[in-house]
C-alpha atoms as a PDB file:
ATOM      1  CA  MET A   1       8.738 -82.233 179.979  1.00  0.00           C
ATOM      2  CA  LEU A   2       6.913 -78.926 180.280  1.00  0.00           C
ATOM      3  CA  PHE A   3       8.662 -78.376 183.616  1.00  0.00           C
ATOM      4  CA  PHE A   4      12.104 -78.544 181.951  1.00  0.00           C
ATOM      5  CA  ILE A   5      11.085 -76.101 179.222  1.00  0.00           C
ATOM      6  CA  ASP A   6       9.827 -73.685 181.863  1.00  0.00           C
ATOM      7  CA  LEU A   7      13.064 -74.142 183.767  1.00  0.00           C
ATOM      8  CA  LEU A   8      15.104 -73.324 180.649  1.00  0.00           C
ATOM      9  CA  PHE A   9      13.094 -70.171 179.983  1.00  0.00           C
ATOM     10  CA  PHE A  10      13.339 -69.153 183.620  1.00  0.00           C
ATOM     11  CA  SER A  11      17.118 -69.573 183.687  1.00  0.00           C
ATOM     12  CA  TYR A  12      17.446 -67.653 180.409  1.00  0.00           C
ATOM     13  CA  TYR A  13      15.401 -64.696 181.679  1.00  0.00           C
ATOM     14  CA  PHE A  14      16.969 -64.908 185.126  1.00  0.00           C
ATOM     15  CA  LYS A  15      20.429 -64.444 183.559  1.00  0.00           C
ATOM     16  CA  LYS A  16      19.146 -61.455 181.561  1.00  0.00           C
ATOM     17  CA  ILE A  17      17.667 -59.842 184.664  1.00  0.00           C
ATOM     18  CA  MET A  18      20.843 -60.402 186.670  1.00  0.00           C
ATOM     19  CA  ARG A  19      22.919 -58.846 183.889  1.00  0.00           C
ATOM     20  CA  PHE A  20      20.532 -55.877 183.826  1.00  0.00           C
ATOM     21  CA  LYS A  21      20.858 -55.494 187.602  1.00  0.00           C
ATOM     22  CA  LYS A  22      24.610 -55.136 187.183  1.00  0.00           C
ATOM     23  CA  VAL A  23      24.346 -52.532 184.423  1.00  0.00           C
ATOM     24  CA  VAL A  24      21.707 -50.255 185.975  1.00  0.00           C
ATOM     25  CA  PRO A  25      23.613 -49.407 189.180  1.00  0.00           C
ATOM     26  CA  SER A  26      26.728 -48.739 187.110  1.00  0.00           C
ATOM     27  CA  LEU A  27      24.798 -46.345 184.872  1.00  0.00           C
ATOM     28  CA  PHE A  28      23.232 -44.704 187.912  1.00  0.00           C
ATOM     29  CA  LEU A  29      26.671 -44.140 189.471  1.00  0.00           C
ATOM     30  CA  LEU A  30      28.053 -42.834 186.177  1.00  0.00           C
ATOM     31  CA  ILE A  31      25.257 -40.283 185.938  1.00  0.00           C
ATOM     32  CA  LEU A  32      25.636 -39.413 189.609  1.00  0.00           C
ATOM     33  CA  PHE A  33      29.378 -38.742 189.345  1.00  0.00           C
ATOM     34  CA  SER A  34      29.195 -36.917 186.031  1.00  0.00           C
ATOM     35  CA  ASN A  35      27.543 -33.874 187.604  1.00  0.00           C
ATOM     36  CA  CYS A  36      29.666 -30.786 187.450  1.00  0.00           C
ATOM     37  CA  SER A  37      29.252 -27.098 187.966  1.00  0.00           C
ATOM     38  CA  SER A  38      27.990 -24.462 185.575  1.00  0.00           C
ATOM     39  CA  GLY A  39      27.995 -20.702 185.699  1.00  0.00           C
ATOM     40  CA  SER A  40      27.364 -17.437 183.932  1.00  0.00           C
ATOM     41  CA  ALA A  41      28.443 -13.815 184.057  1.00  0.00           C
ATOM     42  CA  ILE A  42      26.573 -10.642 183.145  1.00  0.00           C
ATOM     43  CA  ILE A  43      28.787  -7.641 182.475  1.00  0.00           C
ATOM     44  CA  THR A  44      27.360  -4.482 184.017  1.00  0.00           C
ATOM     45  CA  GLY A  45      30.518  -2.368 184.036  1.00  0.00           C
ATOM     46  CA  GLN A  46      33.733  -2.191 182.081  1.00  0.00           C
ATOM     47  CA  ALA A  47      35.128  -5.633 181.224  1.00  0.00           C
ATOM     48  CA  ARG A  48      38.858  -6.110 181.596  1.00  0.00           C
ATOM     49  CA  PRO A  49      41.304  -8.666 180.203  1.00  0.00           C
ATOM     50  CA  ALA A  50      40.858 -12.145 181.671  1.00  0.00           C
ATOM     51  CA  VAL A  51      42.905 -13.046 184.720  1.00  0.00           C
ATOM     52  CA  ASN A  52      43.924 -16.328 186.335  1.00  0.00           C
ATOM     53  CA  PRO A  53      41.051 -17.684 188.510  1.00  0.00           C
ATOM     54  CA  GLU A  54      43.553 -18.299 191.318  1.00  0.00           C
ATOM     55  CA  GLU A  55      44.078 -14.516 191.540  1.00  0.00           C
ATOM     56  CA  VAL A  56      40.377 -13.895 192.293  1.00  0.00           C
ATOM     57  CA  LYS A  57      39.769 -13.245 195.996  1.00  0.00           C
ATOM     58  CA  ILE A  58      36.509 -13.423 197.916  1.00  0.00           C
ATOM     59  CA  TYR A  59      35.913 -10.400 200.127  1.00  0.00           C
ATOM     60  CA  ILE A  60      33.613 -10.555 203.140  1.00  0.00           C
ATOM     61  CA  GLU A  61      33.781  -6.762 203.477  1.00  0.00           C
ATOM     62  CA  PRO A  62      34.111  -4.620 200.336  1.00  0.00           C
ATOM     63  CA  PRO A  63      37.641  -3.273 199.823  1.00  0.00           C
ATOM     64  CA  PRO A  64      38.172   0.522 199.923  1.00  0.00           C
ATOM     65  CA  GLN A  65      38.723   1.048 196.175  1.00  0.00           C
ATOM     66  CA  TYR A  66      36.853  -1.189 193.731  1.00  0.00           C
ATOM     67  CA  GLU A  67      34.806  -1.136 190.565  1.00  0.00           C
ATOM     68  CA  ILE A  68      31.869  -3.494 189.876  1.00  0.00           C
ATOM     69  CA  ILE A  69      32.391  -5.364 186.610  1.00  0.00           C
ATOM     70  CA  GLY A  70      29.406  -7.683 186.616  1.00  0.00           C
ATOM     71  CA  LEU A  71      27.125 -10.218 188.249  1.00  0.00           C
ATOM     72  CA  ILE A  72      28.149 -13.874 188.427  1.00  0.00           C
ATOM     73  CA  GLU A  73      26.234 -17.054 189.167  1.00  0.00           C
ATOM     74  CA  ALA A  74      27.165 -20.716 189.520  1.00  0.00           C
ATOM     75  CA  SER A  75      25.494 -23.970 190.519  1.00  0.00           C
ATOM     76  CA  SER A  76      26.518 -27.536 191.265  1.00  0.00           C
ATOM     77  CA  GLU A  77      24.668 -30.727 192.084  1.00  0.00           C
ATOM     78  CA  VAL A  78      25.290 -32.289 195.488  1.00  0.00           C
ATOM     79  CA  GLU A  79      26.388 -35.913 195.177  1.00  0.00           C
ATOM     80  CA  PHE A  80      27.779 -37.148 198.478  1.00  0.00           C
ATOM     81  CA  SER A  81      29.248 -34.049 200.067  1.00  0.00           C
ATOM     82  CA  THR A  82      27.602 -30.668 200.474  1.00  0.00           C
ATOM     83  CA  GLN A  83      31.025 -29.144 201.115  1.00  0.00           C
ATOM     84  CA  ALA A  84      32.405 -30.515 197.819  1.00  0.00           C
ATOM     85  CA  ALA A  85      29.460 -29.016 195.926  1.00  0.00           C
ATOM     86  CA  GLN A  86      30.008 -25.666 197.657  1.00  0.00           C
ATOM     87  CA  ASP A  87      33.705 -25.791 196.744  1.00  0.00           C
ATOM     88  CA  ARG A  88      32.774 -26.413 193.091  1.00  0.00           C
ATOM     89  CA  VAL A  89      30.386 -23.436 193.179  1.00  0.00           C
ATOM     90  CA  ILE A  90      33.096 -21.149 194.567  1.00  0.00           C
ATOM     91  CA  LYS A  91      35.592 -22.414 191.984  1.00  0.00           C
ATOM     92  CA  GLU A  92      33.092 -21.777 189.180  1.00  0.00           C
ATOM     93  CA  LEU A  93      32.309 -18.288 190.525  1.00  0.00           C
ATOM     94  CA  LYS A  94      36.027 -17.482 190.506  1.00  0.00           C
ATOM     95  CA  GLU A  95      36.334 -18.781 186.937  1.00  0.00           C
ATOM     96  CA  GLN A  96      33.387 -16.687 185.775  1.00  0.00           C
ATOM     97  CA  ALA A  97      34.800 -13.590 187.496  1.00  0.00           C
ATOM     98  CA  ALA A  98      38.244 -14.198 186.000  1.00  0.00           C
ATOM     99  CA  LYS A  99      36.786 -14.451 182.477  1.00  0.00           C
ATOM    100  CA  ILE A 100      35.490 -10.888 182.665  1.00  0.00           C
ATOM    101  CA  GLY A 101      38.677  -9.553 184.255  1.00  0.00           C
ATOM    102  CA  ALA A 102      37.570  -9.323 187.881  1.00  0.00           C
ATOM    103  CA  ASN A 103      40.085  -9.936 190.636  1.00  0.00           C
ATOM    104  CA  GLY A 104      37.542 -10.098 193.456  1.00  0.00           C
ATOM    105  CA  ILE A 105      34.047 -11.178 194.451  1.00  0.00           C
ATOM    106  CA  ILE A 106      31.778  -9.413 196.947  1.00  0.00           C
ATOM    107  CA  SER A 107      28.201  -9.997 198.157  1.00  0.00           C
ATOM    108  CA  LEU A 108      28.711 -13.741 197.910  1.00  0.00           C
ATOM    109  CA  ASN A 109      25.561 -15.727 198.607  1.00  0.00           C
ATOM    110  CA  ILE A 110      25.435 -19.541 198.436  1.00  0.00           C
ATOM    111  CA  ASP A 111      22.261 -21.475 199.160  1.00  0.00           C
ATOM    112  CA  SER A 112      20.767 -24.920 198.624  1.00  0.00           C
ATOM    113  CA  GLN A 113      17.754 -25.940 196.593  1.00  0.00           C
ATOM    114  CA  GLY A 114      16.148 -29.330 196.972  1.00  0.00           C
ATOM    115  CA  LYS A 115      14.501 -31.139 194.090  1.00  0.00           C
ATOM    116  CA  PRO A 116      11.728 -33.728 194.182  1.00  0.00           C
ATOM    117  CA  MET A 117      12.670 -37.306 194.952  1.00  0.00           C
ATOM    118  CA  TYR A 118      13.345 -39.510 191.934  1.00  0.00           C
ATOM    119  CA  GLY A 119      13.822 -43.228 191.482  1.00  0.00           C
ATOM    120  CA  PHE A 120      13.706 -46.172 189.162  1.00  0.00           C
ATOM    121  CA  CYS A 121      13.186 -49.894 189.417  1.00  0.00           C
ATOM    122  CA  ALA A 122      15.616 -52.479 188.055  1.00  0.00           C
ATOM    123  CA  GLY A 123      14.430 -56.025 188.422  1.00  0.00           C
ATOM    124  CA  ALA A 124      13.209 -56.295 191.985  1.00  0.00           C
ATOM    125  CA  ILE A 125      15.351 -53.438 193.329  1.00  0.00           C
ATOM    126  CA  PHE A 126      14.174 -49.831 193.622  1.00  0.00           C
ATOM    127  CA  TYR A 127      16.868 -47.149 193.469  1.00  0.00           C
ATOM    128  CA  ALA A 128      15.906 -43.715 194.811  1.00  0.00           C
ATOM    129  CA  GLY A 129      17.499 -40.443 195.691  1.00  0.00           C
ATOM    130  CA  GLN A 130      16.811 -36.777 196.226  1.00  0.00           C
ATOM    131  CA  ALA A 131      18.802 -34.201 194.330  1.00  0.00           C
ATOM    132  CA  GLU A 132      20.061 -31.025 195.907  1.00  0.00           C
ATOM    133  CA  THR A 133      21.686 -28.124 194.114  1.00  0.00           C
ATOM    134  CA  LYS A 134      24.061 -25.546 195.539  1.00  0.00           C
ATOM    135  CA  LYS A 135      23.718 -22.126 193.896  1.00  0.00           C
ATOM    136  CA  GLY A 136      25.956 -19.138 194.333  1.00  0.00           C
ATOM    137  CA  LYS A 137      25.705 -15.476 193.331  1.00  0.00           C
ATOM    138  CA  GLY A 138      27.989 -12.533 193.723  1.00  0.00           C
ATOM    139  CA  GLN A 139      29.350  -9.342 192.245  1.00  0.00           C
ATOM    140  CA  ALA A 140      32.536  -9.553 190.229  1.00  0.00           C
ATOM    141  CA  ILE A 141      34.749  -6.584 191.087  1.00  0.00           C
ATOM    142  CA  TYR A 142      38.081  -5.129 190.089  1.00  0.00           C
ATOM    143  CA  VAL A 143      40.052  -4.030 193.147  1.00  0.00           C
ATOM    144  CA  LYS A 144      42.208  -1.047 192.347  1.00  0.00           C
ATOM    145  CA  THR A 145      45.769  -1.080 193.563  1.00  0.00           C
ATOM    146  CA  LYS A 146      47.453   1.958 195.146  1.00  0.00           C
ATOM    147  CA  GLY A 147      48.968   3.068 191.833  1.00  0.00           C
ATOM    148  CA  GLU A 148      45.658   3.128 189.938  1.00  0.00           C
END
């Protein structure tokens, strides 16, 4: 008789654990995919009216006539693709530059920062990962046209 009671309790808790094992990976994936980019801008020159981020160009060499508007920074967590995180950083840098009226970015620097390994245990399964962050910095500039 005691064996059947133990069996009932075991099956009850086994079902709870199995349900928990289904929820935890889903939550982990939700948190993993919810990472996005963030950024900031510090105005050091004369701010201008905001422009469309698609109009902001990245210059490898400084153009002949430009004015520095400010410093911009952005960061993004790396999920599965380092390239995707870098693309999000560049997009965020362009958005930050556009907010302060810049139409260009110079002195672009993007690097990676690793974080300590993290993990958690759900039932008998251990989930682990190491986070990496892409960070970008640059100078937001206004490139003067020939008529200015």
